[in-house]
């Protein structure tokens, strides 16, 4: 979504609690982060089903055990870095898949593994709403969750400084916000890529001029979301010096203290990410992979996503925490870029972006 990681996160007492990129699960309080032992040969009922995913994948261990008991499969999770790294690995191993199923490829990175034939056709037992489907690849990748990447601000910092926070992408180039903004890089992070795509959606072919102005105003570019949020963001680190960061629309729900959130997502800066799951072509255990993807769409898993991975479920029957309505507001009109346009231009965009950033 993140790295494909979701926001994170300060509890109601104000203490940072992200398991982010290693996100904490709910339920029993334990998370499924270690592979379990096989209980049979792959491809047979009672065998192992292997899930390739990003570092952010964590669900309550109780749910995993229920899946294993009901399906007869043993789940083995293999984390492959962030969403971009996962997409690259799936693309490079399309002829010799590293797992049976994959979860965590998002709409900013999906075109490459799809183009390499990494996924098999699959229709889930219960299909998610069509609004989340990929225009190209909808028969192979199944939407599981969504969240919008947005510029976030440390509201408390701005209150203390007596400075109005920015509201738009254009505001980030205003000298009033010089040296206050940090973002993960487009080439190294899925939220960084999503923020970059928001600038493409807003400025079109003039995006390079925008980035030149942004960097001239002291914007800092780091490798990953964690580096930005927990290293430089004032609300994420005691040593942070930048009160403006690229994060998620769900982030403010996890920065609540005394019944008020201490951060805010700027809803006019958001780019919507959707994460997908799919059965890998040539999987050793395709039936297990299908059962696994169906499980990810179950009410139990969908309802666990907000507090386990800080994302919004896509299935309408899922339960969302009551405080999200107040503190995790979603943009009404997020930026979008057609996946086909992303596919056609990604490599050149990233080459040009790297040239701008390295000047």
Protein backbone atom coordinates (compact mmCIF):
# COMPACT_ATOMS: atom_id res chain seq x y z
CA UNK A 1 0.00 0.00 0.00
CA UNK A 2 4.78 0.42 2.33
CA UNK A 3 7.06 0.24 2.05
CA UNK A 4 3.64 -0.95 1.96
CA UNK A 5 2.95 -0.16 5.45
CA UNK A 6 0.35 1.69 6.84
CA UNK A 7 0.31 4.42 9.11
CA UNK A 8 1.27 4.28 12.51
CA UNK A 9 1.02 5.16 15.13
CA UNK A 10 0.45 6.43 18.39
CA UNK A 11 -1.91 4.79 20.81
CA UNK A 12 -4.46 6.58 22.95
CA UNK A 13 -1.74 7.12 25.52
CA UNK A 14 0.49 8.72 22.94
CA UNK A 15 3.04 5.90 22.79
CA UNK A 16 4.26 4.78 19.39
CA UNK A 17 3.05 1.25 18.70
CA UNK A 18 3.68 0.42 15.10
CA UNK A 19 4.45 -3.02 14.19
CA UNK A 20 4.52 -1.26 10.92
CA UNK A 21 6.14 -2.74 8.20
CA UNK A 22 5.80 -5.39 10.92
CA UNK A 23 2.31 -4.50 11.93
CA UNK A 24 0.78 -5.76 15.13
CA UNK A 25 -2.18 -8.10 14.95
CA UNK A 26 -5.28 -8.12 17.06
CA UNK A 27 -7.25 -11.03 18.40
CA UNK A 28 -4.94 -13.06 20.58
CA UNK A 29 -2.30 -10.35 20.43
CA UNK A 30 0.03 -12.58 18.47
CA UNK A 31 0.93 -12.23 14.82
CA UNK A 32 1.66 -14.72 12.08
CA UNK A 33 5.21 -13.90 11.17
CA UNK A 34 6.94 -17.27 11.37
CA UNK A 35 6.38 -20.10 8.89
CA UNK A 36 4.66 -23.11 10.37
CA UNK A 37 5.84 -26.65 9.81
CA UNK A 38 4.45 -28.53 6.82
CA UNK A 39 1.89 -31.18 7.61
CA UNK A 40 1.99 -32.93 4.28
CA UNK A 41 3.26 -32.49 0.76
CA UNK A 42 2.38 -29.29 -1.08
CA UNK A 43 -0.54 -29.52 -3.47
CA UNK A 44 -2.42 -32.11 -1.39
CA UNK A 45 -5.16 -31.42 1.15
CA UNK A 46 -3.37 -30.99 4.46
CA UNK A 47 -0.20 -29.79 2.73
CA UNK A 48 1.57 -26.46 2.87
CA UNK A 49 0.42 -23.35 1.03
CA UNK A 50 3.12 -20.71 0.64
CA UNK A 51 2.28 -17.00 0.59
CA UNK A 52 4.75 -14.47 -0.79
CA UNK A 53 4.05 -11.04 0.63
CA UNK A 54 5.60 -7.79 1.81
CA UNK A 55 6.98 -7.03 5.25
CA UNK A 56 3.73 -5.41 6.33
CA UNK A 57 1.69 -8.61 6.26
CA UNK A 58 0.57 -9.52 9.76
CA UNK A 59 -2.71 -11.01 10.88
CA UNK A 60 -3.79 -12.34 14.28
CA UNK A 61 -2.32 -15.78 14.87
CA UNK A 62 -5.76 -16.94 15.98
CA UNK A 63 -7.14 -16.29 12.48
CA UNK A 64 -4.27 -18.15 10.87
CA UNK A 65 -4.85 -21.17 13.07
CA UNK A 66 -8.55 -21.10 12.20
CA UNK A 67 -7.71 -21.03 8.49
CA UNK A 68 -5.37 -23.98 8.91
CA UNK A 69 -7.92 -25.96 10.92
CA UNK A 70 -10.80 -25.30 8.51
CA UNK A 71 -8.90 -25.66 5.24
CA UNK A 72 -6.47 -28.43 6.15
CA UNK A 73 -3.54 -26.42 4.80
CA UNK A 74 -0.54 -25.17 6.72
CA UNK A 75 0.27 -21.55 5.92
CA UNK A 76 3.88 -20.58 5.32
CA UNK A 77 4.52 -16.84 4.95
CA UNK A 78 7.57 -15.60 3.06
CA UNK A 79 8.14 -11.86 3.31
CA UNK A 80 9.95 -10.37 0.32
CA UNK A 81 10.67 -6.78 1.31
CA UNK A 82 8.36 -3.90 0.50
CA UNK A 83 5.66 -3.87 -2.16
CA UNK A 84 8.04 -2.79 -4.90
CA UNK A 85 10.56 -5.48 -4.05
CA UNK A 86 7.79 -8.07 -3.93
CA UNK A 87 6.55 -7.07 -7.39
CA UNK A 88 10.09 -7.26 -8.77
CA UNK A 89 10.72 -10.72 -7.30
CA UNK A 90 7.43 -12.05 -8.64
CA UNK A 91 8.28 -10.65 -12.07
CA UNK A 92 11.76 -12.15 -12.16
CA UNK A 93 10.56 -15.58 -10.97
CA UNK A 94 7.41 -15.82 -13.07
CA UNK A 95 8.65 -19.05 -14.69
CA UNK A 96 9.68 -20.55 -11.35
CA UNK A 97 7.35 -19.06 -8.72
CA UNK A 98 8.63 -18.48 -5.19
CA UNK A 99 5.25 -19.30 -3.61
CA UNK A 100 1.74 -20.52 -4.34
CA UNK A 101 0.00 -17.19 -3.81
CA UNK A 102 1.03 -13.58 -3.40
CA UNK A 103 -0.44 -10.69 -1.47
CA UNK A 104 0.62 -7.05 -1.43
CA UNK A 105 1.16 -6.07 -5.05
CA UNK A 106 -0.60 -2.75 -5.41
CA UNK A 107 -1.98 -0.70 -8.29
CA UNK A 108 1.29 1.23 -8.64
CA UNK A 109 3.39 -1.91 -9.19
CA UNK A 110 0.91 -4.48 -10.58
CA UNK A 111 1.58 -4.01 -14.28
CA UNK A 112 5.05 -5.54 -14.26
CA UNK A 113 4.29 -8.97 -12.70
CA UNK A 114 1.09 -9.11 -14.74
CA UNK A 115 3.07 -8.41 -17.88
CA UNK A 116 5.51 -11.19 -17.00
CA UNK A 117 2.66 -13.68 -16.59
CA UNK A 118 3.29 -14.19 -12.87
CA UNK A 119 -0.38 -14.75 -11.98
CA UNK A 120 -2.95 -17.35 -12.99
CA UNK A 121 -6.60 -16.62 -13.74
CA UNK A 122 -8.74 -16.94 -10.64
CA UNK A 123 -12.25 -15.91 -9.64
CA UNK A 124 -12.82 -15.81 -5.87
CA UNK A 125 -15.86 -17.38 -4.31
CA UNK A 126 -17.07 -13.92 -3.26
CA UNK A 127 -15.99 -11.09 -5.54
CA UNK A 128 -15.06 -7.68 -4.13
CA UNK A 129 -16.76 -4.52 -5.42
CA UNK A 130 -15.84 -3.69 -9.00
CA UNK A 131 -14.54 -0.23 -8.06
CA UNK A 132 -11.33 -1.81 -6.73
CA UNK A 133 -10.64 -4.05 -9.73
CA UNK A 134 -7.74 -3.45 -12.07
CA UNK A 135 -8.78 -2.49 -15.58
CA UNK A 136 -6.11 -4.86 -16.90
CA UNK A 137 -5.52 -7.91 -14.74
CA UNK A 138 -8.87 -8.13 -13.00
CA UNK A 139 -9.09 -11.84 -13.81
CA UNK A 140 -5.82 -12.51 -12.00
CA UNK A 141 -5.43 -10.05 -9.13
CA UNK A 142 -8.11 -9.86 -6.45
CA UNK A 143 -8.45 -6.64 -4.40
CA UNK A 144 -8.06 -7.18 -0.65
CA UNK A 145 -7.63 -3.76 0.95
CA UNK A 146 -7.26 -0.10 0.15
CA UNK A 147 -5.76 3.03 1.69
CA UNK A 148 -4.81 6.40 0.32
CA UNK A 149 -1.29 7.76 0.53
CA UNK A 150 -1.57 11.36 1.72
CA UNK A 151 0.65 14.09 3.01
CA UNK A 152 0.28 14.11 6.82
CA UNK A 153 1.07 16.93 9.21
CA UNK A 154 1.93 17.07 12.89
CA UNK A 155 -0.98 19.25 14.03
CA UNK A 156 0.50 19.74 17.48
CA UNK A 157 3.73 21.10 16.03
CA UNK A 158 1.89 23.61 13.85
CA UNK A 159 -0.28 24.69 16.79
CA UNK A 160 2.79 25.28 18.93
CA UNK A 161 4.52 27.23 16.18
CA UNK A 162 1.44 29.31 15.37
CA UNK A 163 1.74 28.35 11.70
CA UNK A 164 -1.12 27.27 9.46
CA UNK A 165 -0.36 23.82 8.02
CA UNK A 166 -0.29 23.31 4.25
CA UNK A 167 -3.36 21.99 2.47
CA UNK A 168 -2.33 21.18 -1.11
CA UNK A 169 0.62 19.85 -3.08
CA UNK A 170 1.33 23.38 -4.28
CA UNK A 171 1.61 24.58 -0.68
CA UNK A 172 4.60 22.30 -0.12
CA UNK A 173 6.69 24.58 -2.35
CA UNK A 174 5.79 27.67 -0.32
CA UNK A 175 8.82 29.14 1.52
CA UNK A 176 6.73 29.11 4.70
CA UNK A 177 7.25 25.32 4.72
CA UNK A 178 10.93 25.29 3.77
CA UNK A 179 12.83 22.31 5.21
CA UNK A 180 9.68 20.89 6.85
CA UNK A 181 8.71 18.08 4.44
CA UNK A 182 10.05 14.52 4.16
CA UNK A 183 8.98 11.80 1.73
CA UNK A 184 10.11 8.27 0.94
CA UNK A 185 11.58 7.91 -2.52
CA UNK A 186 9.55 6.92 -5.56
CA UNK A 187 12.10 4.31 -6.61
CA UNK A 188 12.44 2.66 -3.20
CA UNK A 189 9.00 2.81 -1.57
CA UNK A 190 5.41 2.17 -2.61
CA UNK A 191 4.03 5.17 -0.65
CA UNK A 192 6.84 7.20 -2.19
CA UNK A 193 5.76 6.01 -5.61
CA UNK A 194 2.14 6.82 -4.79
CA UNK A 195 3.06 10.35 -3.74
CA UNK A 196 5.04 10.75 -6.96
CA UNK A 197 2.01 9.60 -8.96
CA UNK A 198 -0.14 12.16 -7.16
CA UNK A 199 2.22 14.84 -8.47
CA UNK A 200 1.98 13.37 -11.98
CA UNK A 201 -1.82 13.40 -11.73
CA UNK A 202 -1.80 17.04 -10.59
CA UNK A 203 0.92 18.49 -12.82
CA UNK A 204 1.03 16.19 -15.84
CA UNK A 205 4.13 16.72 -17.96
CA UNK A 206 5.17 19.57 -15.67
CA UNK A 207 5.80 17.26 -12.71
CA UNK A 208 9.59 17.69 -13.04
CA UNK A 209 9.22 21.44 -12.54
CA UNK A 210 7.13 20.78 -9.43
CA UNK A 211 9.74 18.42 -8.00
CA UNK A 212 12.50 20.89 -8.76
CA UNK A 213 10.61 23.53 -6.78
CA UNK A 214 9.81 21.04 -4.00
CA UNK A 215 13.46 20.11 -3.56
CA UNK A 216 14.54 23.74 -3.78
CA UNK A 217 12.23 24.34 -0.83
CA UNK A 218 14.19 21.85 1.25
CA UNK A 219 12.14 18.68 0.82
CA UNK A 220 14.03 15.62 2.06
CA UNK A 221 13.88 12.28 0.25
CA UNK A 222 14.65 9.08 2.19
CA UNK A 223 14.55 5.40 1.25
CA UNK A 224 11.43 4.14 2.98
CA UNK A 225 8.27 5.06 4.84
CA UNK A 226 9.71 4.01 8.19
CA UNK A 227 12.75 6.22 7.62
CA UNK A 228 10.48 9.17 6.97
CA UNK A 229 7.86 8.56 9.66
CA UNK A 230 10.06 7.26 12.46
CA UNK A 231 13.24 9.06 11.57
CA UNK A 232 12.33 12.58 10.45
CA UNK A 233 8.64 13.18 11.25
CA UNK A 234 8.19 15.15 14.46
CA UNK A 235 5.13 13.11 15.48
CA UNK A 236 6.93 9.83 14.88
CA UNK A 237 10.28 10.47 16.51
CA UNK A 238 11.55 12.44 19.47
CA UNK A 239 14.46 13.53 17.30
CA UNK A 240 12.40 14.31 14.20
CA UNK A 241 12.60 17.83 12.79
CA UNK A 242 10.07 17.72 9.96
CA UNK A 243 6.35 18.10 10.75
CA UNK A 244 5.17 17.17 7.22
CA UNK A 245 5.46 13.60 5.94
CA UNK A 246 4.06 11.26 3.31
CA UNK A 247 1.94 8.63 5.09
CA UNK A 248 -1.67 7.38 4.88
CA UNK A 249 -5.23 8.52 5.37
CA UNK A 250 -5.51 6.01 8.23
CA UNK A 251 -2.48 7.40 10.08
CA UNK A 252 -4.35 9.97 12.22
CA UNK A 253 -6.47 7.19 13.75
CA UNK A 254 -3.31 5.94 15.43
CA UNK A 255 -2.11 9.29 16.72
CA UNK A 256 -4.91 9.90 19.16
CA UNK A 257 -4.25 11.36 22.60
CA UNK A 258 -6.92 12.54 25.01
CA UNK A 259 -9.68 11.89 22.51
CA UNK A 260 -8.03 14.03 19.83
CA UNK A 261 -5.69 13.11 17.02
CA UNK A 262 -2.33 14.86 17.03
CA UNK A 263 -1.83 14.53 13.27
CA UNK A 264 -3.95 15.10 10.18
CA UNK A 265 -4.01 13.75 6.64
CA UNK A 266 -4.31 16.42 3.95
CA UNK A 267 -7.17 14.94 1.95
CA UNK A 268 -6.48 17.08 -1.13
CA UNK A 269 -3.07 15.42 -1.59
CA UNK A 270 -4.06 11.74 -1.62
CA UNK A 271 -3.43 8.93 -4.09
CA UNK A 272 -5.45 5.76 -3.55
CA UNK A 273 -3.60 2.47 -3.26
CA UNK A 274 -5.30 -0.90 -3.57
CA UNK A 275 -3.51 -4.09 -2.57
CA UNK A 276 -4.16 -7.32 -4.41
CA UNK A 277 -3.76 -11.06 -3.92
CA UNK A 278 -3.50 -13.74 -6.57
CA UNK A 279 -2.64 -17.33 -7.38
CA UNK A 280 0.81 -17.61 -8.92
CA UNK A 281 1.06 -19.29 -12.30
CA UNK A 282 2.81 -22.64 -11.97
CA UNK A 283 2.16 -22.85 -8.23
CA UNK A 284 2.90 -26.16 -6.54
CA UNK A 285 -0.34 -25.88 -4.61
CA UNK A 286 -2.89 -23.93 -6.69
CA UNK A 287 -5.89 -25.26 -4.74
CA UNK A 288 -4.34 -24.15 -1.49
CA UNK A 289 -3.58 -20.77 -3.06
CA UNK A 290 -7.21 -20.37 -4.11
CA UNK A 291 -8.39 -21.23 -0.60
CA UNK A 292 -5.94 -18.71 0.82
CA UNK A 293 -7.11 -15.86 -1.41
CA UNK A 294 -10.74 -16.66 -0.57
CA UNK A 295 -9.79 -16.54 3.12
CA UNK A 296 -8.29 -13.06 2.73
CA UNK A 297 -11.75 -11.89 1.62
CA UNK A 298 -13.57 -13.47 4.56
CA UNK A 299 -15.39 -11.25 7.05
CA UNK A 300 -12.97 -12.30 9.80
CA UNK A 301 -9.82 -11.32 7.92
CA UNK A 302 -11.34 -8.21 6.36
CA UNK A 303 -12.48 -7.01 9.79
CA UNK A 304 -8.97 -7.60 11.19
CA UNK A 305 -7.23 -5.52 8.53
CA UNK A 306 -7.71 -2.04 10.05
CA UNK A 307 -6.05 -2.86 13.36
CA UNK A 308 -3.60 -5.41 11.94
CA UNK A 309 -2.34 -3.59 8.87
CA UNK A 310 -3.91 -0.13 9.16
CA UNK A 311 -5.84 -0.37 5.89
CA UNK A 312 -9.48 -0.29 4.87
CA UNK A 313 -11.14 -3.60 3.90
CA UNK A 314 -12.73 -3.83 0.47
CA UNK A 315 -15.56 -6.19 1.36
CA UNK A 316 -18.79 -4.43 2.41
CA UNK A 317 -19.54 -6.86 5.25
CA UNK A 318 -16.35 -6.06 7.17
CA UNK A 319 -16.33 -4.23 10.48
CA UNK A 320 -14.34 -0.99 10.79
CA UNK A 321 -13.28 0.40 14.21
CA UNK A 322 -15.72 3.03 15.41
CA UNK A 323 -13.08 5.73 15.86
CA UNK A 324 -11.97 5.44 12.23
CA UNK A 325 -15.08 7.34 11.13
CA UNK A 326 -13.76 10.34 13.05
CA UNK A 327 -10.01 9.99 12.82
CA UNK A 328 -9.39 8.02 9.59
CA UNK A 329 -11.29 10.09 7.08
CA UNK A 330 -10.92 9.09 3.44
CA UNK A 331 -10.53 11.49 0.53
CA UNK A 332 -13.65 12.00 -1.55
CA UNK A 333 -11.71 12.52 -4.78
CA UNK A 334 -8.21 11.03 -4.55
CA UNK A 335 -5.70 11.32 -7.34
CA UNK A 336 -5.54 8.41 -9.77
CA UNK A 337 -3.36 7.47 -12.72
CA UNK A 338 -4.47 4.85 -15.20
CA UNK A 339 -2.52 1.60 -14.59
CA UNK A 340 -1.80 1.36 -18.32
CA UNK A 341 -0.19 4.81 -18.18
CA UNK A 342 1.85 3.76 -15.17
CA UNK A 343 2.99 0.63 -16.99
CA UNK A 344 3.96 2.53 -20.12
CA UNK A 345 5.84 5.29 -18.33
CA UNK A 346 7.11 3.93 -15.01
CA UNK A 347 10.70 3.23 -16.02
CA UNK A 348 11.18 6.56 -17.76
CA UNK A 349 9.41 8.42 -14.96
CA UNK A 350 11.69 6.86 -12.37
CA UNK A 351 14.77 7.58 -14.43
CA UNK A 352 13.73 11.22 -14.79
CA UNK A 353 12.70 11.44 -11.12
CA UNK A 354 16.09 10.10 -10.04
CA UNK A 355 17.83 12.67 -12.22
CA UNK A 356 15.81 15.49 -10.64
CA UNK A 357 16.39 14.29 -7.09
CA UNK A 358 20.13 13.69 -7.55
CA UNK A 359 20.91 17.14 -8.95
